PDB file of N, CA and C in Angstrom:
ATOM      1  N   UNK A   1       0.844  -1.161   0.000  1.00  0.00           N
ATOM      2  CA  UNK A   1       0.000   0.000   0.000  1.00  0.00           C
ATOM      3  C   UNK A   1       0.898   1.234   0.000  1.00  0.00           C
ATOM      4  N   UNK A   2       0.572   2.164  -0.876  1.00  0.00           N
ATOM      5  CA  UNK A   2       1.248   3.463  -0.909  1.00  0.00           C
ATOM      6  C   UNK A   2       0.204   4.528  -0.616  1.00  0.00           C
ATOM      7  N   UNK A   3       0.530   5.471   0.256  1.00  0.00           N
ATOM      8  CA  UNK A   3      -0.427   6.523   0.577  1.00  0.00           C
ATOM      9  C   UNK A   3       0.228   7.889   0.423  1.00  0.00           C
ATOM     10  N   UNK A   4      -0.610   8.874   0.187  1.00  0.00           N
ATOM     11  CA  UNK A   4      -0.141  10.244   0.047  1.00  0.00           C
ATOM     12  C   UNK A   4      -1.132  11.027  -0.784  1.00  0.00           C
ATOM     13  N   UNK A   5      -1.078  12.312  -0.669  1.00  0.00           N
ATOM     14  CA  UNK A   5      -1.962  13.170  -1.440  1.00  0.00           C
ATOM     15  C   UNK A   5      -1.201  14.384  -1.929  1.00  0.00           C
ATOM     16  N   UNK A   6      -1.063  14.491  -3.223  1.00  0.00           N
ATOM     17  CA  UNK A   6      -0.518  15.706  -3.837  1.00  0.00           C
ATOM     18  C   UNK A   6       0.849  16.092  -3.261  1.00  0.00           C
ATOM     19  N   UNK A   7       1.692  15.098  -3.016  1.00  0.00           N
ATOM     20  CA  UNK A   7       3.001  15.398  -2.450  1.00  0.00           C
ATOM     21  C   UNK A   7       4.056  15.604  -3.516  1.00  0.00           C
ATOM     22  N   UNK A   8       3.831  15.033  -4.699  1.00  0.00           N
ATOM     23  CA  UNK A   8       4.789  15.189  -5.787  1.00  0.00           C
ATOM     24  C   UNK A   8       6.023  14.315  -5.655  1.00  0.00           C
ATOM     25  N   UNK A   9       5.970  13.311  -4.768  1.00  0.00           N
ATOM     26  CA  UNK A   9       7.152  12.458  -4.619  1.00  0.00           C
ATOM     27  C   UNK A   9       7.052  11.158  -5.411  1.00  0.00           C
ATOM     28  N   UNK A  10       5.920  10.928  -6.070  1.00  0.00           N
ATOM     29  CA  UNK A  10       5.828   9.793  -6.973  1.00  0.00           C
ATOM     30  C   UNK A  10       5.051   8.591  -6.489  1.00  0.00           C
ATOM     31  N   UNK A  11       4.011   8.800  -5.684  1.00  0.00           N
ATOM     32  CA  UNK A  11       3.213   7.660  -5.225  1.00  0.00           C
ATOM     33  C   UNK A  11       2.632   6.869  -6.391  1.00  0.00           C
ATOM     34  N   UNK A  12       2.171   7.587  -7.410  1.00  0.00           N
ATOM     35  CA  UNK A  12       1.562   6.921  -8.563  1.00  0.00           C
ATOM     36  C   UNK A  12       2.583   6.058  -9.290  1.00  0.00           C
ATOM     37  N   UNK A  13       3.770   6.589  -9.541  1.00  0.00           N
ATOM     38  CA  UNK A  13       4.805   5.831 -10.246  1.00  0.00           C
ATOM     39  C   UNK A  13       5.265   4.629  -9.424  1.00  0.00           C
ATOM     40  N   UNK A  14       5.429   4.812  -8.119  1.00  0.00           N
ATOM     41  CA  UNK A  14       5.845   3.701  -7.253  1.00  0.00           C
ATOM     42  C   UNK A  14       4.769   2.623  -7.227  1.00  0.00           C
ATOM     43  N   UNK A  15       3.515   3.027  -7.132  1.00  0.00           N
ATOM     44  CA  UNK A  15       2.416   2.058  -7.120  1.00  0.00           C
ATOM     45  C   UNK A  15       2.362   1.277  -8.425  1.00  0.00           C
ATOM     46  N   UNK A  16       2.551   1.954  -9.530  1.00  0.00           N
ATOM     47  CA  UNK A  16       2.556   1.283 -10.836  1.00  0.00           C
ATOM     48  C   UNK A  16       3.708   0.292 -10.922  1.00  0.00           C
ATOM     49  N   UNK A  17       4.884   0.715 -10.477  1.00  0.00           N
ATOM     50  CA  UNK A  17       6.044  -0.167 -10.506  1.00  0.00           C
ATOM     51  C   UNK A  17       5.871  -1.390  -9.620  1.00  0.00           C
ATOM     52  N   UNK A  18       5.322  -1.199  -8.419  1.00  0.00           N
ATOM     53  CA  UNK A  18       5.090  -2.323  -7.512  1.00  0.00           C
ATOM     54  C   UNK A  18       4.069  -3.305  -8.084  1.00  0.00           C
ATOM     55  N   UNK A  19       3.006  -2.776  -8.655  1.00  0.00           N
ATOM     56  CA  UNK A  19       1.987  -3.649  -9.252  1.00  0.00           C
ATOM     57  C   UNK A  19       2.596  -4.480 -10.385  1.00  0.00           C
ATOM     58  N   UNK A  20       3.449  -3.846 -11.190  1.00  0.00           N
ATOM     59  CA  UNK A  20       4.107  -4.567 -12.278  1.00  0.00           C
ATOM     60  C   UNK A  20       5.079  -5.600 -11.735  1.00  0.00           C
ATOM     61  N   UNK A  21       5.931  -5.206 -10.823  1.00  0.00           N
ATOM     62  CA  UNK A  21       6.963  -6.077 -10.276  1.00  0.00           C
ATOM     63  C   UNK A  21       6.374  -7.299  -9.560  1.00  0.00           C
ATOM     64  N   UNK A  22       5.311  -7.062  -8.802  1.00  0.00           N
ATOM     65  CA  UNK A  22       4.713  -8.132  -8.008  1.00  0.00           C
ATOM     66  C   UNK A  22       3.574  -8.856  -8.717  1.00  0.00           C
ATOM     67  N   UNK A  23       3.223  -8.394  -9.921  1.00  0.00           N
ATOM     68  CA  UNK A  23       2.107  -9.005 -10.646  1.00  0.00           C
ATOM     69  C   UNK A  23       0.781  -8.767  -9.958  1.00  0.00           C
ATOM     70  N   UNK A  24       0.684  -7.624  -9.282  1.00  0.00           N
ATOM     71  CA  UNK A  24      -0.513  -7.323  -8.507  1.00  0.00           C
ATOM     72  C   UNK A  24      -1.478  -6.403  -9.231  1.00  0.00           C
ATOM     73  N   UNK A  25      -2.554  -6.104  -8.565  1.00  0.00           N
ATOM     74  CA  UNK A  25      -3.574  -5.201  -9.080  1.00  0.00           C
ATOM     75  C   UNK A  25      -3.362  -3.802  -8.514  1.00  0.00           C
ATOM     76  N   UNK A  26      -3.970  -2.821  -9.194  1.00  0.00           N
ATOM     77  CA  UNK A  26      -3.922  -1.437  -8.721  1.00  0.00           C
ATOM     78  C   UNK A  26      -5.339  -1.004  -8.402  1.00  0.00           C
ATOM     79  N   UNK A  27      -5.518  -0.434  -7.216  1.00  0.00           N
ATOM     80  CA  UNK A  27      -6.808   0.118  -6.831  1.00  0.00           C
ATOM     81  C   UNK A  27      -6.584   1.324  -5.953  1.00  0.00           C
ATOM     82  N   UNK A  28      -7.146   2.419  -6.356  1.00  0.00           N
ATOM     83  CA  UNK A  28      -7.127   3.637  -5.553  1.00  0.00           C
ATOM     84  C   UNK A  28      -8.569   3.901  -5.150  1.00  0.00           C
ATOM     85  N   UNK A  29      -8.934   3.610  -3.906  1.00  0.00           N
ATOM     86  CA  UNK A  29     -10.339   3.721  -3.513  1.00  0.00           C
ATOM     87  C   UNK A  29     -10.902   5.130  -3.622  1.00  0.00           C
ATOM     88  N   UNK A  30     -10.073   6.145  -3.328  1.00  0.00           N
ATOM     89  CA  UNK A  30     -10.535   7.532  -3.405  1.00  0.00           C
ATOM     90  C   UNK A  30      -9.557   8.330  -4.251  1.00  0.00           C
ATOM     91  N   UNK A  31     -10.078   8.949  -5.304  1.00  0.00           N
ATOM     92  CA  UNK A  31      -9.276   9.843  -6.149  1.00  0.00           C
ATOM     93  C   UNK A  31      -9.715  11.262  -5.826  1.00  0.00           C
ATOM     94  N   UNK A  32      -8.808  12.059  -5.297  1.00  0.00           N
ATOM     95  CA  UNK A  32      -9.138  13.433  -4.905  1.00  0.00           C
ATOM     96  C   UNK A  32      -8.348  14.423  -5.742  1.00  0.00           C
ATOM     97  N   UNK A  33      -8.906  15.602  -5.897  1.00  0.00           N
ATOM     98  CA  UNK A  33      -8.243  16.655  -6.649  1.00  0.00           C
ATOM     99  C   UNK A  33      -8.328  16.453  -8.146  1.00  0.00           C
ATOM    100  N   UNK A  34      -9.472  15.961  -8.606  1.00  0.00           N
ATOM    101  CA  UNK A  34      -9.641  15.675 -10.033  1.00  0.00           C
ATOM    102  C   UNK A  34      -9.647  16.942 -10.868  1.00  0.00           C
ATOM    103  N   UNK A  35      -8.947  16.886 -11.941  1.00  0.00           N
ATOM    104  CA  UNK A  35      -8.984  17.956 -12.935  1.00  0.00           C
ATOM    105  C   UNK A  35      -9.147  17.312 -14.309  1.00  0.00           C
ATOM    106  N   UNK A  36     -10.193  16.481 -14.418  1.00  0.00           N
ATOM    107  CA  UNK A  36     -10.491  15.842 -15.688  1.00  0.00           C
ATOM    108  C   UNK A  36      -9.762  14.531 -15.935  1.00  0.00           C
ATOM    109  N   UNK A  37      -8.932  14.086 -14.996  1.00  0.00           N
ATOM    110  CA  UNK A  37      -8.229  12.824 -15.199  1.00  0.00           C
ATOM    111  C   UNK A  37      -8.055  12.111 -13.860  1.00  0.00           C
ATOM    112  N   UNK A  38      -7.737  10.830 -13.936  1.00  0.00           N
ATOM    113  CA  UNK A  38      -7.456  10.050 -12.739  1.00  0.00           C
ATOM    114  C   UNK A  38      -6.070   9.425 -12.888  1.00  0.00           C
ATOM    115  N   UNK A  39      -5.662   8.660 -11.902  1.00  0.00           N
ATOM    116  CA  UNK A  39      -4.360   7.996 -11.952  1.00  0.00           C
ATOM    117  C   UNK A  39      -4.378   6.720 -12.786  1.00  0.00           C
ATOM    118  N   UNK A  40      -5.542   6.274 -13.196  1.00  0.00           N
ATOM    119  CA  UNK A  40      -5.644   4.991 -13.890  1.00  0.00           C
ATOM    120  C   UNK A  40      -4.817   4.962 -15.173  1.00  0.00           C
ATOM    121  N   UNK A  41      -4.901   5.997 -15.989  1.00  0.00           N
ATOM    122  CA  UNK A  41      -4.172   6.002 -17.264  1.00  0.00           C
ATOM    123  C   UNK A  41      -2.654   5.976 -17.066  1.00  0.00           C
ATOM    124  N   UNK A  42      -2.083   6.842 -16.230  1.00  0.00           N
ATOM    125  CA  UNK A  42      -0.639   6.767 -16.028  1.00  0.00           C
ATOM    126  C   UNK A  42      -0.185   5.455 -15.381  1.00  0.00           C
ATOM    127  N   UNK A  43      -0.983   4.911 -14.475  1.00  0.00           N
ATOM    128  CA  UNK A  43      -0.615   3.648 -13.830  1.00  0.00           C
ATOM    129  C   UNK A  43      -0.606   2.517 -14.854  1.00  0.00           C
ATOM    130  N   UNK A  44      -1.610   2.481 -15.702  1.00  0.00           N
ATOM    131  CA  UNK A  44      -1.658   1.443 -16.736  1.00  0.00           C
ATOM    132  C   UNK A  44      -0.448   1.540 -17.659  1.00  0.00           C
ATOM    133  N   UNK A  45      -0.090   2.766 -18.030  1.00  0.00           N
ATOM    134  CA  UNK A  45       1.047   2.973 -18.934  1.00  0.00           C
ATOM    135  C   UNK A  45       2.370   2.671 -18.237  1.00  0.00           C
ATOM    136  N   UNK A  46       2.592   3.261 -17.071  1.00  0.00           N
ATOM    137  CA  UNK A  46       3.860   3.080 -16.365  1.00  0.00           C
ATOM    138  C   UNK A  46       4.070   1.643 -15.890  1.00  0.00           C
ATOM    139  N   UNK A  47       2.999   1.024 -15.421  1.00  0.00           N
ATOM    140  CA  UNK A  47       3.110  -0.334 -14.891  1.00  0.00           C
ATOM    141  C   UNK A  47       2.895  -1.411 -15.930  1.00  0.00           C
ATOM    142  N   UNK A  48       2.573  -0.982 -17.149  1.00  0.00           N
ATOM    143  CA  UNK A  48       2.270  -1.934 -18.228  1.00  0.00           C
ATOM    144  C   UNK A  48       1.230  -2.952 -17.767  1.00  0.00           C
ATOM    145  N   UNK A  49       0.184  -2.434 -17.130  1.00  0.00           N
ATOM    146  CA  UNK A  49      -0.857  -3.290 -16.566  1.00  0.00           C
ATOM    147  C   UNK A  49      -2.035  -3.415 -17.517  1.00  0.00           C
ATOM    148  N   UNK A  50      -2.548  -4.625 -17.691  1.00  0.00           N
ATOM    149  CA  UNK A  50      -3.750  -4.798 -18.510  1.00  0.00           C
ATOM    150  C   UNK A  50      -4.964  -4.229 -17.774  1.00  0.00           C
ATOM    151  N   UNK A  51      -6.003  -3.872 -18.514  1.00  0.00           N
ATOM    152  CA  UNK A  51      -7.188  -3.248 -17.888  1.00  0.00           C
ATOM    153  C   UNK A  51      -7.795  -4.064 -16.750  1.00  0.00           C
ATOM    154  N   UNK A  52      -7.750  -5.388 -16.839  1.00  0.00           N
ATOM    155  CA  UNK A  52      -8.368  -6.191 -15.778  1.00  0.00           C
ATOM    156  C   UNK A  52      -7.533  -6.236 -14.498  1.00  0.00           C
ATOM    157  N   UNK A  53      -6.377  -5.588 -14.476  1.00  0.00           N
ATOM    158  CA  UNK A  53      -5.554  -5.484 -13.273  1.00  0.00           C
ATOM    159  C   UNK A  53      -5.764  -4.148 -12.554  1.00  0.00           C
ATOM    160  N   UNK A  54      -6.649  -3.322 -13.091  1.00  0.00           N
ATOM    161  CA  UNK A  54      -6.894  -2.001 -12.510  1.00  0.00           C
ATOM    162  C   UNK A  54      -8.375  -1.884 -12.160  1.00  0.00           C
ATOM    163  N   UNK A  55      -8.652  -1.617 -10.892  1.00  0.00           N
ATOM    164  CA  UNK A  55     -10.033  -1.459 -10.432  1.00  0.00           C
ATOM    165  C   UNK A  55     -10.388   0.024 -10.390  1.00  0.00           C
ATOM    166  N   UNK A  56     -11.630   0.364 -10.740  1.00  0.00           N
ATOM    167  CA  UNK A  56     -12.042   1.775 -10.692  1.00  0.00           C
ATOM    168  C   UNK A  56     -12.177   2.273  -9.253  1.00  0.00           C
ATOM    169  N   UNK A  57     -12.087   3.573  -9.105  1.00  0.00           N
ATOM    170  CA  UNK A  57     -12.215   4.202  -7.794  1.00  0.00           C
ATOM    171  C   UNK A  57     -13.638   4.056  -7.271  1.00  0.00           C
ATOM    172  N   UNK A  58     -13.770   4.013  -5.955  1.00  0.00           N
ATOM    173  CA  UNK A  58     -15.105   4.044  -5.350  1.00  0.00           C
ATOM    174  C   UNK A  58     -15.635   5.466  -5.308  1.00  0.00           C
ATOM    175  N   UNK A  59     -14.729   6.434  -5.050  1.00  0.00           N
ATOM    176  CA  UNK A  59     -15.119   7.839  -4.935  1.00  0.00           C
ATOM    177  C   UNK A  59     -14.180   8.695  -5.760  1.00  0.00           C
ATOM    178  N   UNK A  60     -14.756   9.655  -6.453  1.00  0.00           N
ATOM    179  CA  UNK A  60     -13.980  10.642  -7.203  1.00  0.00           C
ATOM    180  C   UNK A  60     -14.356  12.023  -6.687  1.00  0.00           C
ATOM    181  N   UNK A  61     -13.407  12.685  -6.049  1.00  0.00           N
ATOM    182  CA  UNK A  61     -13.644  14.000  -5.462  1.00  0.00           C
ATOM    183  C   UNK A  61     -12.946  15.071  -6.288  1.00  0.00           C
ATOM    184  N   UNK A  62     -13.653  16.150  -6.561  1.00  0.00           N
ATOM    185  CA  UNK A  62     -13.069  17.243  -7.348  1.00  0.00           C
ATOM    186  C   UNK A  62     -11.983  17.976  -6.583  1.00  0.00           C
ATOM    187  N   UNK A  63     -12.165  18.068  -5.282  1.00  0.00           N
ATOM    188  CA  UNK A  63     -11.230  18.837  -4.470  1.00  0.00           C
ATOM    189  C   UNK A  63     -10.331  17.898  -3.681  1.00  0.00           C
ATOM    190  N   UNK A  64      -9.156  18.366  -3.354  1.00  0.00           N
ATOM    191  CA  UNK A  64      -8.230  17.574  -2.561  1.00  0.00           C
ATOM    192  C   UNK A  64      -8.849  17.225  -1.227  1.00  0.00           C
ATOM    193  N   UNK A  65      -8.563  16.055  -0.739  1.00  0.00           N
ATOM    194  CA  UNK A  65      -9.165  15.604   0.509  1.00  0.00           C
ATOM    195  C   UNK A  65      -8.799  16.496   1.685  1.00  0.00           C
ATOM    196  N   UNK A  66      -7.616  17.088   1.679  1.00  0.00           N
ATOM    197  CA  UNK A  66      -7.238  17.926   2.819  1.00  0.00           C
ATOM    198  C   UNK A  66      -8.122  19.163   2.915  1.00  0.00           C
ATOM    199  N   UNK A  67      -8.667  19.629   1.772  1.00  0.00           N
ATOM    200  CA  UNK A  67      -9.588  20.764   1.825  1.00  0.00           C
ATOM    201  C   UNK A  67     -10.877  20.360   2.520  1.00  0.00           C
ATOM    202  N   UNK A  68     -11.360  19.159   2.247  1.00  0.00           N
ATOM    203  CA  UNK A  68     -12.559  18.687   2.926  1.00  0.00           C
ATOM    204  C   UNK A  68     -12.283  18.425   4.399  1.00  0.00           C
ATOM    205  N   UNK A  69     -11.104  17.927   4.732  1.00  0.00           N
ATOM    206  CA  UNK A  69     -10.740  17.714   6.138  1.00  0.00           C
ATOM    207  C   UNK A  69     -10.704  19.037   6.887  1.00  0.00           C
ATOM    208  N   UNK A  70     -10.160  20.064   6.259  1.00  0.00           N
ATOM    209  CA  UNK A  70     -10.097  21.380   6.890  1.00  0.00           C
ATOM    210  C   UNK A  70     -11.501  21.889   7.180  1.00  0.00           C
ATOM    211  N   UNK A  71     -12.422  21.681   6.254  1.00  0.00           N
ATOM    212  CA  UNK A  71     -13.805  22.104   6.472  1.00  0.00           C
ATOM    213  C   UNK A  71     -14.387  21.402   7.701  1.00  0.00           C
ATOM    214  N   UNK A  72     -14.114  20.103   7.833  1.00  0.00           N
ATOM    215  CA  UNK A  72     -14.649  19.354   8.969  1.00  0.00           C
ATOM    216  C   UNK A  72     -14.047  19.842  10.285  1.00  0.00           C
ATOM    217  N   UNK A  73     -12.766  20.160  10.282  1.00  0.00           N
ATOM    218  CA  UNK A  73     -12.105  20.601  11.512  1.00  0.00           C
ATOM    219  C   UNK A  73     -12.653  21.921  12.036  1.00  0.00           C
ATOM    220  N   UNK A  74     -13.121  22.773  11.151  1.00  0.00           N
ATOM    221  CA  UNK A  74     -13.659  24.060  11.603  1.00  0.00           C
ATOM    222  C   UNK A  74     -15.186  24.022  11.732  1.00  0.00           C
ATOM    223  N   UNK A  75     -15.759  22.809  11.630  1.00  0.00           N
ATOM    224  CA  UNK A  75     -17.183  22.656  11.851  1.00  0.00           C
ATOM    225  C   UNK A  75     -18.061  22.950  10.656  1.00  0.00           C
ATOM    226  N   UNK A  76     -17.480  23.039   9.498  1.00  0.00           N
ATOM    227  CA  UNK A  76     -18.297  23.282   8.304  1.00  0.00           C
ATOM    228  C   UNK A  76     -18.764  21.958   7.733  1.00  0.00           C
ATOM    229  N   UNK A  77     -19.937  21.967   7.129  1.00  0.00           N
ATOM    230  CA  UNK A  77     -20.449  20.740   6.530  1.00  0.00           C
ATOM    231  C   UNK A  77     -20.689  20.891   5.028  1.00  0.00           C
ATOM    232  N   UNK A  78     -20.055  21.881   4.423  1.00  0.00           N
ATOM    233  CA  UNK A  78     -20.243  22.094   2.980  1.00  0.00           C
ATOM    234  C   UNK A  78     -19.142  21.398   2.186  1.00  0.00           C
ATOM    235  N   UNK A  79     -19.044  20.088   2.390  1.00  0.00           N
ATOM    236  CA  UNK A  79     -18.027  19.305   1.693  1.00  0.00           C
ATOM    237  C   UNK A  79     -18.266  19.331   0.203  1.00  0.00           C
ATOM    238  N   UNK A  80     -17.188  19.327  -0.541  1.00  0.00           N
ATOM    239  CA  UNK A  80     -17.297  19.382  -1.995  1.00  0.00           C
ATOM    240  C   UNK A  80     -16.901  18.026  -2.563  1.00  0.00           C
ATOM    241  N   UNK A  81     -17.858  17.364  -3.219  1.00  0.00           N
ATOM    242  CA  UNK A  81     -17.591  16.024  -3.756  1.00  0.00           C
ATOM    243  C   UNK A  81     -16.574  16.051  -4.883  1.00  0.00           C
TER     244      UNK A  81
END
């Protein structure tokens, strides 16, 4: 499992490489900070993974998760999907 959000250190590339190296599947349950694309395409390309090795996200959020967390911490309930 690789975790991180918008850090720029390469979680997507590492996840793709691990899935390829170990013959595993790729699944990102929550994709946050969408700007018209997800990690599925780069992971498939970088990891050379066939489509049946990549599971779709359960949730796709337009805004980064930390923005929604900040809203919760200050008592706001106007979360942005």
